Protein backbone atom coordinates (compact mmCIF):
# COMPACT_ATOMS: atom_id res chain seq x y z
CA MET A 1 -1.22 8.68 6.28
CA GLY A 2 -3.91 6.11 6.96
CA VAL A 3 -5.60 4.05 4.08
CA SER A 4 -9.09 5.94 4.36
CA LEU A 5 -7.38 9.28 4.36
CA TYR A 6 -5.18 8.35 1.42
CA ARG A 7 -8.14 6.97 -0.43
CA SER A 8 -10.14 10.22 0.20
CA ILE A 9 -7.62 12.87 -0.34
CA ALA A 10 -4.30 11.93 -1.82
CA ARG A 11 -5.33 9.27 -4.19
CA PRO A 12 -7.79 11.38 -6.30
CA VAL A 13 -5.25 14.02 -6.61
CA LEU A 14 -2.51 11.63 -7.80
CA PHE A 15 -4.85 9.88 -10.18
CA LEU A 16 -5.47 13.13 -11.93
CA THR A 17 -1.97 12.66 -13.32
CA SER A 18 -0.61 9.87 -15.53
CA PRO A 19 0.66 6.83 -13.64
CA GLU A 20 4.32 7.57 -14.34
CA THR A 21 3.80 11.21 -13.25
CA ALA A 22 2.13 9.97 -10.18
CA HIS A 23 4.86 7.62 -9.45
CA GLY A 24 7.45 10.38 -9.98
CA ILE A 25 5.56 12.44 -7.30
CA ALA A 26 5.64 9.60 -4.92
CA ALA A 27 9.24 8.99 -5.50
CA TRP A 28 10.07 12.63 -4.75
CA TYR A 29 8.49 12.13 -1.34
CA PHE A 30 9.95 8.77 -0.52
CA LYS A 31 13.46 10.26 -1.13
CA ARG A 32 12.81 12.98 1.55
CA GLN A 33 13.98 10.69 4.42
CA TRP A 34 13.25 13.28 7.10
CA ILE A 35 9.46 13.06 6.29
CA TRP A 36 9.21 9.45 6.93
CA LYS A 37 11.57 9.33 9.89
CA LEU A 38 9.10 11.81 11.56
CA LEU A 39 6.19 9.25 10.66
CA ARG A 40 7.85 6.13 11.39
CA TRP A 41 6.31 5.75 14.77
CA HIS A 42 2.84 5.80 13.12
CA PHE A 43 3.63 3.07 10.51
CA CYS A 44 6.17 0.67 11.83
CA ILE A 45 4.99 -2.19 14.02
CA ASP A 46 7.45 -4.09 16.23
CA ASP A 47 6.11 -7.23 17.42
CA GLU A 48 7.82 -10.64 17.91
CA ARG A 49 4.88 -12.45 16.54
CA LEU A 50 5.60 -10.92 13.15
CA ARG A 51 9.08 -11.97 12.80
CA THR A 52 9.38 -14.70 10.28
CA LYS A 53 12.05 -16.58 8.01
CA THR A 54 11.75 -17.04 4.22
CA GLY A 55 14.30 -19.60 3.57
CA GLN A 56 17.50 -18.51 5.45
CA LEU A 57 16.49 -14.78 5.51
CA THR A 58 14.99 -13.57 8.83
CA LEU A 59 12.59 -10.83 8.51
CA PRO A 60 11.00 -8.38 11.01
CA ASN A 61 7.73 -8.86 9.43
CA PRO A 62 6.46 -10.80 6.26
CA VAL A 63 5.34 -7.87 4.18
CA GLY A 64 7.79 -7.00 1.37
CA LEU A 65 7.71 -4.55 -1.53
CA ALA A 66 7.58 -6.23 -4.82
CA ALA A 67 10.23 -5.37 -7.49
CA GLY A 68 9.28 -2.50 -9.82
CA PHE A 69 8.38 0.36 -7.54
CA ASP A 70 12.04 1.46 -6.84
CA LYS A 71 13.79 0.70 -9.89
CA ASP A 72 16.91 2.73 -9.11
CA CYS A 73 17.13 2.00 -5.49
CA GLU A 74 16.67 5.59 -4.41
CA MET A 75 13.86 5.31 -1.90
CA SER A 76 14.76 2.59 0.67
CA ALA A 77 14.93 4.71 3.74
CA GLY A 78 11.54 6.13 3.13
CA LEU A 79 10.03 2.88 2.08
CA PHE A 80 11.38 1.05 5.27
CA SER A 81 9.83 3.81 7.29
CA ILE A 82 6.35 2.83 6.29
CA GLY A 83 6.90 -0.56 7.79
CA PHE A 84 8.03 -3.04 5.11
CA GLY A 85 9.78 -6.13 6.49
CA TYR A 86 12.02 -6.21 3.25
CA LEU A 87 12.13 -4.38 -0.03
CA ALA A 88 12.78 -6.05 -3.53
CA LEU A 89 14.57 -3.16 -5.37
CA GLY A 90 15.00 -3.01 -9.11
CA THR A 91 14.70 -4.84 -11.50
CA LEU A 92 18.37 -4.03 -12.25
CA THR A 93 20.33 -4.85 -15.35
CA LEU A 94 24.05 -4.71 -15.98
CA ASN A 95 23.85 -1.82 -18.37
CA PRO A 96 21.39 1.11 -18.38
CA ARG A 97 17.99 0.56 -20.14
CA GLU A 98 15.54 3.12 -21.16
CA GLY A 99 12.70 0.60 -21.18
CA ASN A 100 9.79 0.43 -23.65
CA PRO A 101 8.25 3.68 -25.23
CA LYS A 102 5.82 5.70 -23.22
CA PRO A 103 3.11 5.56 -22.21
CA ARG A 104 3.69 2.16 -20.55
CA ILE A 105 1.62 2.13 -17.44
CA TRP A 106 -2.19 2.27 -17.23
CA ARG A 107 -4.60 2.11 -14.13
CA HIS A 108 -6.98 -0.90 -14.66
CA PRO A 109 -9.71 -0.43 -11.87
CA PRO A 110 -10.64 -1.85 -9.61
CA GLY A 111 -7.25 -2.10 -7.94
CA SER A 112 -5.13 -3.31 -10.80
CA LEU A 113 -2.48 -1.95 -13.18
CA VAL A 114 -1.23 -2.93 -16.62
CA ASN A 115 2.47 -2.08 -17.23
CA SER A 116 4.84 -2.48 -20.28
CA MET A 117 7.91 -1.00 -18.76
CA GLY A 118 10.70 -3.18 -19.94
CA PHE A 119 13.16 -2.75 -17.24
CA PRO A 120 14.04 0.91 -17.29
CA ASN A 121 17.06 1.49 -14.92
CA GLY A 122 20.31 3.14 -14.69
CA GLY A 123 22.41 0.00 -14.73
CA ALA A 124 24.20 -1.90 -12.05
CA PRO A 125 27.27 0.37 -11.47
CA GLN A 126 25.09 3.48 -11.35
CA VAL A 127 22.55 2.06 -9.20
CA VAL A 128 25.07 0.58 -6.78
CA ALA A 129 26.43 4.09 -6.20
CA THR A 130 22.95 5.58 -5.85
CA PHE A 131 22.24 2.91 -3.16
CA ARG A 132 25.25 3.55 -1.32
CA LYS A 133 24.40 7.18 -1.24
CA HIS A 134 20.70 6.86 -0.26
CA ASN A 135 20.55 3.82 1.87
CA ASN A 136 21.04 4.63 5.63
CA THR A 137 18.80 1.76 7.03
CA SER A 138 19.62 -1.74 8.31
CA GLY A 139 16.32 -3.00 6.63
CA ARG A 140 16.51 -6.17 4.57
CA THR A 141 17.02 -5.43 0.88
CA ILE A 142 16.67 -7.80 -1.90
CA PHE A 143 17.99 -6.74 -5.37
CA SER A 144 15.93 -7.93 -8.36
CA ILE A 145 18.16 -8.56 -11.35
CA SER A 146 17.73 -9.80 -14.92
CA GLY A 147 19.27 -9.50 -18.42
CA LEU A 148 19.48 -11.13 -21.84
CA GLY A 149 22.37 -13.26 -21.59
CA VAL A 150 24.19 -15.39 -19.02
CA GLU A 151 27.37 -13.43 -18.79
CA GLU A 152 25.33 -10.31 -18.53
CA ILE A 153 23.38 -11.54 -15.56
CA VAL A 154 26.34 -13.12 -13.75
CA GLU A 155 28.26 -9.85 -13.87
CA CYS A 156 25.18 -7.95 -12.62
CA TYR A 157 24.93 -10.38 -9.75
CA ARG A 158 28.70 -10.07 -8.82
CA GLN A 159 28.36 -6.27 -8.72
CA VAL A 160 25.20 -5.87 -6.48
CA GLU A 161 25.35 -9.00 -4.19
CA PRO A 162 27.67 -7.42 -1.76
CA LEU A 163 25.15 -4.79 -0.96
CA ALA A 164 22.15 -6.91 -0.63
CA ASP A 165 20.76 -9.21 1.92
CA GLY A 166 19.69 -11.34 -0.96
CA ILE A 167 19.10 -11.48 -4.79
CA GLU A 168 15.81 -12.11 -6.77
CA LEU A 169 16.39 -13.46 -10.22
CA ASN A 170 13.79 -12.27 -12.60
CA VAL A 171 13.26 -14.55 -15.46
CA SER A 172 9.67 -13.94 -15.88
CA THR A 173 8.75 -10.44 -16.82
CA PRO A 174 5.98 -10.21 -19.51
CA ASN A 175 7.48 -7.12 -20.99
CA THR A 176 11.14 -7.74 -22.02
CA ALA A 177 11.75 -9.96 -25.21
CA GLY A 178 14.68 -12.44 -24.57
CA VAL A 179 14.18 -12.98 -20.93
CA LYS A 180 11.76 -15.92 -21.60
CA ALA A 181 14.69 -17.95 -22.82
CA PHE A 182 15.47 -18.55 -19.09
CA GLN A 183 12.11 -20.18 -18.61
CA ASP A 184 13.60 -23.39 -20.20
CA SER A 185 14.94 -25.66 -17.49
CA ALA A 186 18.20 -26.37 -19.19
CA VAL A 187 18.89 -22.81 -19.86
CA LEU A 188 18.13 -21.84 -16.29
CA SER A 189 20.21 -24.58 -15.02
CA LYS A 190 23.19 -23.12 -17.02
CA LEU A 191 22.66 -19.69 -15.69
CA LEU A 192 22.41 -20.93 -12.01
CA ASP A 193 25.66 -22.90 -12.57
CA ALA A 194 27.38 -19.71 -13.74
CA ILE A 195 25.94 -17.70 -10.87
CA SER A 196 27.39 -20.20 -8.57
CA SER A 197 30.97 -19.30 -9.52
CA VAL A 198 30.24 -15.75 -8.08
CA ARG A 199 27.69 -16.52 -5.40
CA ASN A 200 27.97 -16.06 -1.66
CA PHE A 201 25.81 -18.99 -0.49
CA GLU A 202 25.22 -17.48 2.90
CA LYS A 203 22.89 -14.88 0.97
CA PRO A 204 19.65 -16.16 -0.33
CA LEU A 205 18.87 -16.45 -4.04
CA TRP A 206 15.27 -16.38 -5.13
CA LEU A 207 13.68 -16.93 -8.64
CA LYS A 208 10.78 -15.01 -9.73
CA ILE A 209 8.73 -17.39 -11.75
CA PRO A 210 5.97 -16.76 -14.29
CA PRO A 211 2.34 -17.58 -13.70
CA TYR A 212 0.72 -20.46 -15.42
CA PHE A 213 -2.70 -21.10 -16.88
CA ASP A 214 -2.74 -24.60 -18.34
CA GLU A 215 -1.13 -27.96 -17.68
CA LYS A 216 1.73 -27.51 -20.10
CA GLU A 217 2.66 -24.19 -18.54
CA ARG A 218 2.34 -25.79 -15.04
CA GLU A 219 4.76 -28.52 -16.06
CA ASN A 220 7.23 -25.98 -17.22
CA VAL A 221 7.08 -23.92 -14.18
CA LEU A 222 7.43 -27.02 -11.90
CA GLY A 223 10.42 -28.01 -13.99
CA LEU A 224 12.07 -24.68 -13.01
CA VAL A 225 11.07 -25.32 -9.50
CA ASP A 226 12.96 -28.86 -9.71
CA VAL A 227 16.02 -26.77 -11.10
CA CYS A 228 15.89 -24.58 -8.08
CA VAL A 229 15.83 -27.20 -5.74
CA SER A 230 18.85 -29.03 -7.29
CA LYS A 231 20.87 -25.83 -7.57
CA SER A 232 20.33 -24.59 -3.98
CA VAL A 233 18.02 -21.73 -4.80
CA ASP A 234 16.63 -20.53 -1.39
CA GLY A 235 13.07 -19.70 -2.65
CA VAL A 236 10.68 -18.48 -5.28
CA THR A 237 8.52 -15.54 -5.76
CA ALA A 238 5.21 -16.60 -7.09
CA ALA A 239 4.33 -14.95 -9.31
CA ASN A 240 5.14 -12.17 -11.85
CA ALA A 241 2.49 -10.19 -13.68
CA LYS A 242 0.06 -11.85 -16.07
CA ARG A 243 0.83 -11.22 -19.64
CA ILE A 244 -2.26 -9.68 -21.45
CA GLN A 245 -2.81 -8.09 -24.86
CA GLU A 246 -2.59 -4.23 -24.49
CA PRO A 247 -3.05 -2.23 -27.63
CA ARG A 248 -2.02 1.06 -26.02
CA ALA A 249 1.46 -0.28 -25.49
CA ALA A 250 4.15 -0.23 -28.20
CA THR A 251 4.88 -3.80 -27.67
CA GLY A 252 1.12 -4.69 -27.97
CA THR A 253 1.19 -6.58 -24.55
CA GLY A 254 1.49 -5.75 -20.95
CA GLY A 255 1.63 -7.22 -17.46
CA LEU A 256 -1.56 -7.25 -15.40
CA SER A 257 -1.01 -6.86 -11.59
CA GLY A 258 -3.35 -6.36 -8.58
CA ALA A 259 -6.60 -7.71 -7.58
CA PRO A 260 -7.55 -9.76 -10.70
CA ILE A 261 -4.49 -12.18 -10.39
CA PHE A 262 -4.99 -12.84 -6.67
CA ASP A 263 -6.78 -16.33 -7.01
CA ASP A 264 -4.23 -17.36 -9.65
CA MET A 265 -1.41 -16.49 -7.25
CA LEU A 266 -3.14 -18.62 -4.47
CA ARG A 267 -3.34 -21.50 -6.97
CA ILE A 268 0.35 -21.34 -7.93
CA VAL A 269 1.70 -20.85 -4.35
CA SER A 270 -0.41 -23.91 -3.23
CA ASP A 271 0.83 -26.03 -6.10
CA ILE A 272 4.49 -25.24 -5.31
CA TYR A 273 4.16 -25.81 -1.61
CA SER A 274 2.44 -29.15 -2.42
CA TYR A 275 5.04 -30.12 -5.07
CA THR A 276 8.02 -29.39 -2.89
CA GLY A 277 6.54 -30.52 0.30
CA GLY A 278 7.05 -27.10 1.90
CA LYS A 279 10.93 -27.47 1.48
CA LEU A 280 11.21 -24.46 -0.80
CA ALA A 281 10.54 -21.02 0.68
CA ILE A 282 7.66 -18.96 -1.15
CA ASN A 283 7.00 -15.32 -1.41
CA ALA A 284 3.61 -14.78 -2.52
CA CYS A 285 3.13 -11.92 -4.96
CA GLY A 286 -0.09 -10.97 -6.79
CA GLY A 287 -3.10 -9.10 -5.79
CA ILE A 288 -2.48 -8.88 -2.06
CA SER A 289 -3.88 -5.60 -0.38
CA SER A 290 -5.21 -6.78 2.93
CA GLY A 291 -4.13 -8.75 5.99
CA LEU A 292 -6.82 -11.37 5.12
CA GLU A 293 -5.39 -11.88 1.76
CA ALA A 294 -1.88 -12.31 3.06
CA TRP A 295 -3.22 -14.63 5.55
CA ARG A 296 -4.72 -16.79 2.79
CA ALA A 297 -1.41 -16.83 0.97
CA PHE A 298 0.20 -17.92 4.27
CA GLU A 299 -2.32 -20.74 4.57
CA VAL A 300 -1.56 -22.15 1.14
CA GLY A 301 2.23 -22.13 1.71
CA ALA A 302 3.85 -18.63 1.59
CA SER A 303 6.24 -17.47 4.13
CA SER A 304 6.19 -13.86 3.10
CA VAL A 305 4.21 -11.76 0.79
CA GLN A 306 5.10 -8.84 -1.70
CA LEU A 307 2.88 -6.15 -2.88
CA LEU A 308 3.22 -3.12 -5.25
CA THR A 309 -0.22 -2.14 -6.75
CA ALA A 310 -1.76 -2.12 -3.36
CA LEU A 311 0.70 0.63 -2.39
CA ILE A 312 -0.40 2.61 -5.33
CA TYR A 313 -4.11 2.33 -4.67
CA GLU A 314 -4.11 2.01 -0.87
CA GLY A 315 -1.27 4.32 0.01
CA PRO A 316 1.61 3.94 2.58
CA GLY A 317 -0.77 2.83 5.39
CA VAL A 318 -1.43 -0.32 3.62
CA VAL A 319 1.68 -2.22 5.08
CA SER A 320 0.93 -1.47 8.84
CA SER A 321 -2.84 -2.27 8.17
CA ILE A 322 -1.82 -5.70 6.78
CA ASN A 323 0.57 -6.27 9.78
CA ARG A 324 -2.15 -5.31 12.36
CA THR A 325 -4.71 -7.68 10.75
CA ILE A 326 -2.21 -10.44 10.77
CA LEU A 327 -1.54 -9.79 14.51
CA GLN A 328 -5.28 -9.96 15.09
CA MET A 329 -5.72 -13.15 13.37
CA LEU A 330 -2.72 -14.76 15.07
CA ALA A 331 -4.28 -13.94 18.46
CA LYS A 332 -7.84 -15.12 17.28
CA SER A 333 -6.15 -18.42 16.11
CA LYS A 334 -4.03 -18.96 19.23
CA LEU A 335 -0.92 -19.18 17.00
CA ASN A 336 2.53 -17.49 17.65
CA SER A 337 4.07 -16.98 14.34
CA ILE A 338 3.62 -16.81 10.47
CA ALA A 339 5.62 -20.15 10.50
CA ASP A 340 2.53 -21.64 12.54
CA VAL A 341 0.17 -20.55 9.60
CA THR A 342 2.25 -21.57 6.64
CA GLY A 343 0.78 -24.42 4.83
CA THR A 344 -2.12 -25.03 7.23
CA GLY A 345 -4.49 -25.01 4.39
CA ILE A 346 -2.60 -27.61 2.62
CA ARG A 347 -1.65 -30.08 5.37
């Protein structure tokens, strides 16, 4: 289904229901692998110019799914069939979590969401079993993990890493009390040291960082980046949702995603690229819904992009639309790869 068809037919119907109900409907379809196998030819674009590396991970194209859409790792075959270069699945915790009380997702037009989910998932052992059952694709999968203590996160890491192509460590969710402790450089350093005892260093480890909006917050995040560099973290995902007040949420707050945070994402990606001299891979996450926006993220230092809110607002055709635009812009610029674009707006 193309973007325009989704906007005119499917989205109005889905948006008659609550966001979580609409997500449940989408999940039902994505778990029907035969549907997407039939449509794969329409969505997937195989072009050598789209192949890219983010750190040590080689991707068929630079467009990834951000964590939060497939929390229990049930939809990977269907999601790969709409053209994603990789999927960030989860966020997973060691033990099952129900998440925050409902309602906990709200549409926030134009093109944004506010969520206060709080890591609902079936827990690492159950999710691993589910993934083994449902995943029959060779696509690149990144497991997003988190937790409230070092031992808990390390054990979650140990259980899921063998199935993954990489791990994204989420210490930046705005919706789960306790996770913020790992946004302290010393605490993060301790966690990464503990992970090193079970880590396969041939697989990339990414850190999903929080956004920042003043100099104190900026210095703190760059301190986390310093830790990443010193502890052989392969890259960062910049950035998580923006924490805002949300009176409809039981917690009183939520994470804003989508179009309103795009400019902040560009600022943060640019900062980190300049700060590290381009030596740390950056996955740009926040407000990307078009090929032009993805291109701007590459220009300021990203080597891949992640999206989630755009999938909800633009539908399954958004991935191929972004990749086609990237190819057009590569041709127009007489460049051969994403690597040729990365950081050109900084250098």
